[in-house]
Amino acid sequence: MRRDLFVTKAMLQEAGLTPDVRLTRGSIEVRLGENHAIFTSSEADKAADWLARCAVINYPESAFAQLWLMLASVSGGAIPFGSR
């Protein structure tokens, strides 16, 4: 299952983070804090994965990262960031 960009954005906002997603001329620009990346418009799932990874790595105290890490612990290892 592929991660949905706008669901990921909403989850991060619910956790108190401020992601930004901009769609422009065939590209998707995503930001979280001082971090940003650009993907082609066909790579929305990769942009969502990037936002999730960025949140866990750069905001480990956030509710989103804490949930991610708790789920990884319960599952006995790391949860991959890539969409399936």
N, C-alpha and C. Protein backbone atom coordinates (compact mmCIF):
# COMPACT_ATOMS: atom_id res chain seq x y z
N MET A 1 0.84 -1.17 0.00
CA MET A 1 0.00 0.00 0.00
C MET A 1 0.89 1.24 0.00
N ARG A 2 0.56 2.17 -0.84
CA ARG A 2 1.34 3.40 -0.93
C ARG A 2 0.82 4.43 0.07
N ARG A 3 1.77 5.17 0.63
CA ARG A 3 1.42 6.21 1.59
C ARG A 3 0.82 7.39 0.83
N ASP A 4 -0.27 7.95 1.33
CA ASP A 4 -0.93 9.09 0.72
C ASP A 4 -0.30 10.39 1.25
N LEU A 5 0.09 11.26 0.35
CA LEU A 5 0.78 12.49 0.72
C LEU A 5 -0.07 13.37 1.62
N PHE A 6 -1.33 13.53 1.29
CA PHE A 6 -2.15 14.46 2.06
C PHE A 6 -2.62 13.86 3.38
N VAL A 7 -2.73 12.54 3.45
CA VAL A 7 -3.00 11.90 4.74
C VAL A 7 -1.78 12.03 5.64
N THR A 8 -0.59 11.84 5.08
CA THR A 8 0.64 12.01 5.85
C THR A 8 0.76 13.44 6.35
N LYS A 9 0.47 14.40 5.48
CA LYS A 9 0.51 15.81 5.90
C LYS A 9 -0.45 16.06 7.06
N ALA A 10 -1.66 15.53 6.97
CA ALA A 10 -2.65 15.71 8.03
C ALA A 10 -2.20 15.06 9.34
N MET A 11 -1.59 13.88 9.24
CA MET A 11 -1.09 13.20 10.44
C MET A 11 0.00 14.01 11.11
N LEU A 12 0.89 14.58 10.33
CA LEU A 12 1.96 15.40 10.89
C LEU A 12 1.40 16.67 11.54
N GLN A 13 0.41 17.28 10.91
CA GLN A 13 -0.23 18.46 11.49
C GLN A 13 -0.92 18.10 12.80
N GLU A 14 -1.59 16.96 12.83
CA GLU A 14 -2.26 16.51 14.05
C GLU A 14 -1.24 16.32 15.18
N ALA A 15 -0.02 15.95 14.81
CA ALA A 15 1.04 15.73 15.80
C ALA A 15 1.74 17.03 16.18
N GLY A 16 1.27 18.15 15.66
CA GLY A 16 1.84 19.44 16.03
C GLY A 16 2.98 19.93 15.15
N LEU A 17 3.25 19.22 14.06
CA LEU A 17 4.30 19.65 13.13
C LEU A 17 3.66 20.49 12.03
N THR A 18 4.49 21.17 11.25
CA THR A 18 3.97 22.07 10.21
C THR A 18 4.54 21.73 8.83
N PRO A 19 4.09 20.63 8.25
CA PRO A 19 4.55 20.30 6.90
C PRO A 19 3.90 21.22 5.87
N ASP A 20 4.60 21.41 4.77
CA ASP A 20 4.06 22.22 3.67
C ASP A 20 4.19 21.40 2.40
N VAL A 21 3.12 21.37 1.62
CA VAL A 21 3.11 20.65 0.34
C VAL A 21 2.65 21.62 -0.73
N ARG A 22 3.43 21.76 -1.78
CA ARG A 22 3.07 22.64 -2.90
C ARG A 22 3.17 21.86 -4.20
N LEU A 23 2.12 21.99 -4.98
CA LEU A 23 2.08 21.34 -6.29
C LEU A 23 2.26 22.42 -7.35
N THR A 24 3.32 22.31 -8.15
CA THR A 24 3.59 23.32 -9.17
C THR A 24 4.17 22.69 -10.42
N ARG A 25 3.61 22.99 -11.56
CA ARG A 25 4.14 22.62 -12.87
C ARG A 25 4.81 21.26 -12.94
N GLY A 26 4.09 20.24 -12.57
CA GLY A 26 4.63 18.89 -12.69
C GLY A 26 5.53 18.46 -11.57
N SER A 27 5.61 19.24 -10.49
CA SER A 27 6.45 18.84 -9.38
C SER A 27 5.71 19.02 -8.05
N ILE A 28 6.23 18.34 -7.06
CA ILE A 28 5.71 18.42 -5.70
C ILE A 28 6.86 18.87 -4.82
N GLU A 29 6.67 19.99 -4.13
CA GLU A 29 7.68 20.46 -3.19
C GLU A 29 7.15 20.23 -1.79
N VAL A 30 7.95 19.56 -0.97
CA VAL A 30 7.56 19.28 0.41
C VAL A 30 8.58 19.89 1.35
N ARG A 31 8.07 20.40 2.47
CA ARG A 31 8.92 21.01 3.50
C ARG A 31 8.46 20.56 4.87
N LEU A 32 9.43 20.42 5.73
CA LEU A 32 9.15 20.21 7.14
C LEU A 32 10.27 20.91 7.90
N GLY A 33 9.92 22.01 8.53
CA GLY A 33 10.94 22.83 9.19
C GLY A 33 11.88 23.39 8.14
N GLU A 34 13.17 23.25 8.37
CA GLU A 34 14.17 23.75 7.43
C GLU A 34 14.51 22.74 6.34
N ASN A 35 13.90 21.59 6.37
CA ASN A 35 14.18 20.52 5.39
C ASN A 35 13.19 20.61 4.25
N HIS A 36 13.69 20.39 3.03
CA HIS A 36 12.79 20.41 1.87
C HIS A 36 13.30 19.47 0.78
N ALA A 37 12.38 19.05 -0.06
CA ALA A 37 12.73 18.18 -1.18
C ALA A 37 11.72 18.42 -2.30
N ILE A 38 12.11 18.06 -3.52
CA ILE A 38 11.25 18.21 -4.68
C ILE A 38 11.15 16.86 -5.39
N PHE A 39 9.92 16.50 -5.75
CA PHE A 39 9.64 15.24 -6.44
C PHE A 39 8.82 15.54 -7.68
N THR A 40 8.83 14.64 -8.64
CA THR A 40 7.96 14.81 -9.80
C THR A 40 6.51 14.56 -9.37
N SER A 41 5.58 15.03 -10.15
CA SER A 41 4.17 14.89 -9.77
C SER A 41 3.73 13.43 -9.69
N SER A 42 4.46 12.53 -10.33
CA SER A 42 4.11 11.11 -10.27
C SER A 42 4.72 10.42 -9.04
N GLU A 43 5.43 11.16 -8.21
CA GLU A 43 6.10 10.58 -7.05
C GLU A 43 5.49 11.03 -5.72
N ALA A 44 4.18 11.19 -5.68
CA ALA A 44 3.52 11.65 -4.45
C ALA A 44 3.78 10.69 -3.29
N ASP A 45 3.82 9.39 -3.57
CA ASP A 45 4.10 8.43 -2.50
C ASP A 45 5.50 8.60 -1.95
N LYS A 46 6.47 8.90 -2.80
CA LYS A 46 7.84 9.14 -2.34
C LYS A 46 7.92 10.42 -1.51
N ALA A 47 7.15 11.42 -1.90
CA ALA A 47 7.11 12.67 -1.14
C ALA A 47 6.54 12.41 0.25
N ALA A 48 5.50 11.57 0.33
CA ALA A 48 4.91 11.21 1.62
C ALA A 48 5.91 10.43 2.47
N ASP A 49 6.63 9.50 1.86
CA ASP A 49 7.66 8.74 2.58
C ASP A 49 8.73 9.69 3.11
N TRP A 50 9.13 10.65 2.30
CA TRP A 50 10.15 11.62 2.71
C TRP A 50 9.67 12.41 3.92
N LEU A 51 8.42 12.88 3.90
CA LEU A 51 7.89 13.64 5.04
C LEU A 51 7.90 12.79 6.30
N ALA A 52 7.46 11.53 6.20
CA ALA A 52 7.44 10.64 7.36
C ALA A 52 8.86 10.43 7.90
N ARG A 53 9.80 10.13 7.02
CA ARG A 53 11.19 9.92 7.42
C ARG A 53 11.77 11.17 8.06
N CYS A 54 11.49 12.31 7.46
CA CYS A 54 11.99 13.59 7.97
C CYS A 54 11.46 13.85 9.38
N ALA A 55 10.19 13.56 9.61
CA ALA A 55 9.59 13.77 10.93
C ALA A 55 10.23 12.88 11.98
N VAL A 56 10.41 11.60 11.65
CA VAL A 56 10.98 10.66 12.61
C VAL A 56 12.43 11.00 12.93
N ILE A 57 13.19 11.36 11.92
CA ILE A 57 14.61 11.65 12.12
C ILE A 57 14.84 13.01 12.79
N ASN A 58 14.13 14.03 12.34
CA ASN A 58 14.40 15.39 12.82
C ASN A 58 13.53 15.86 13.98
N TYR A 59 12.42 15.16 14.22
CA TYR A 59 11.51 15.53 15.30
C TYR A 59 11.15 14.31 16.13
N PRO A 60 12.16 13.64 16.73
CA PRO A 60 11.90 12.39 17.45
C PRO A 60 10.98 12.57 18.66
N GLU A 61 10.84 13.80 19.15
CA GLU A 61 9.97 14.05 20.29
C GLU A 61 8.51 14.24 19.89
N SER A 62 8.24 14.33 18.59
CA SER A 62 6.86 14.54 18.12
C SER A 62 6.01 13.30 18.35
N ALA A 63 4.70 13.51 18.46
CA ALA A 63 3.78 12.38 18.64
C ALA A 63 3.85 11.43 17.45
N PHE A 64 4.04 11.96 16.24
CA PHE A 64 4.16 11.12 15.05
C PHE A 64 5.36 10.18 15.17
N ALA A 65 6.51 10.74 15.53
CA ALA A 65 7.73 9.93 15.65
C ALA A 65 7.60 8.93 16.79
N GLN A 66 7.01 9.35 17.90
CA GLN A 66 6.84 8.44 19.04
C GLN A 66 5.96 7.25 18.66
N LEU A 67 4.88 7.51 17.93
CA LEU A 67 4.02 6.42 17.47
C LEU A 67 4.77 5.50 16.53
N TRP A 68 5.51 6.08 15.59
CA TRP A 68 6.29 5.30 14.63
C TRP A 68 7.27 4.38 15.36
N LEU A 69 7.98 4.94 16.33
CA LEU A 69 8.99 4.18 17.07
C LEU A 69 8.35 3.11 17.96
N MET A 70 7.19 3.42 18.54
CA MET A 70 6.47 2.44 19.35
C MET A 70 6.01 1.26 18.48
N LEU A 71 5.47 1.55 17.30
CA LEU A 71 5.05 0.49 16.38
C LEU A 71 6.23 -0.35 15.93
N ALA A 72 7.37 0.29 15.69
CA ALA A 72 8.57 -0.45 15.31
C ALA A 72 9.01 -1.37 16.44
N SER A 73 8.94 -0.89 17.65
CA SER A 73 9.33 -1.69 18.81
C SER A 73 8.41 -2.89 18.99
N VAL A 74 7.12 -2.68 18.86
CA VAL A 74 6.14 -3.75 19.01
C VAL A 74 6.29 -4.80 17.91
N SER A 75 6.64 -4.33 16.70
CA SER A 75 6.78 -5.27 15.58
C SER A 75 8.12 -5.99 15.59
N GLY A 76 8.98 -5.65 16.55
CA GLY A 76 10.25 -6.34 16.68
C GLY A 76 11.37 -5.81 15.82
N GLY A 77 11.23 -4.62 15.28
CA GLY A 77 12.29 -4.06 14.46
C GLY A 77 11.87 -2.75 13.87
N ALA A 78 12.56 -2.37 12.83
CA ALA A 78 12.29 -1.11 12.17
C ALA A 78 11.12 -1.25 11.20
N ILE A 79 10.38 -0.17 11.04
CA ILE A 79 9.32 -0.12 10.03
C ILE A 79 9.90 0.63 8.84
N PRO A 80 9.90 0.05 7.65
CA PRO A 80 10.48 0.73 6.49
C PRO A 80 9.67 1.98 6.13
N PHE A 81 10.37 2.99 5.64
CA PHE A 81 9.72 4.23 5.24
C PHE A 81 9.09 4.12 3.87
N GLY A 82 9.57 3.27 3.00
CA GLY A 82 9.08 3.18 1.64
C GLY A 82 7.67 2.65 1.54
N SER A 83 6.89 3.24 0.65
CA SER A 83 5.52 2.77 0.40
C SER A 83 5.56 1.42 -0.29
N ARG A 84 4.54 0.62 -0.07
CA ARG A 84 4.47 -0.69 -0.70
C ARG A 84 3.21 -0.81 -1.49
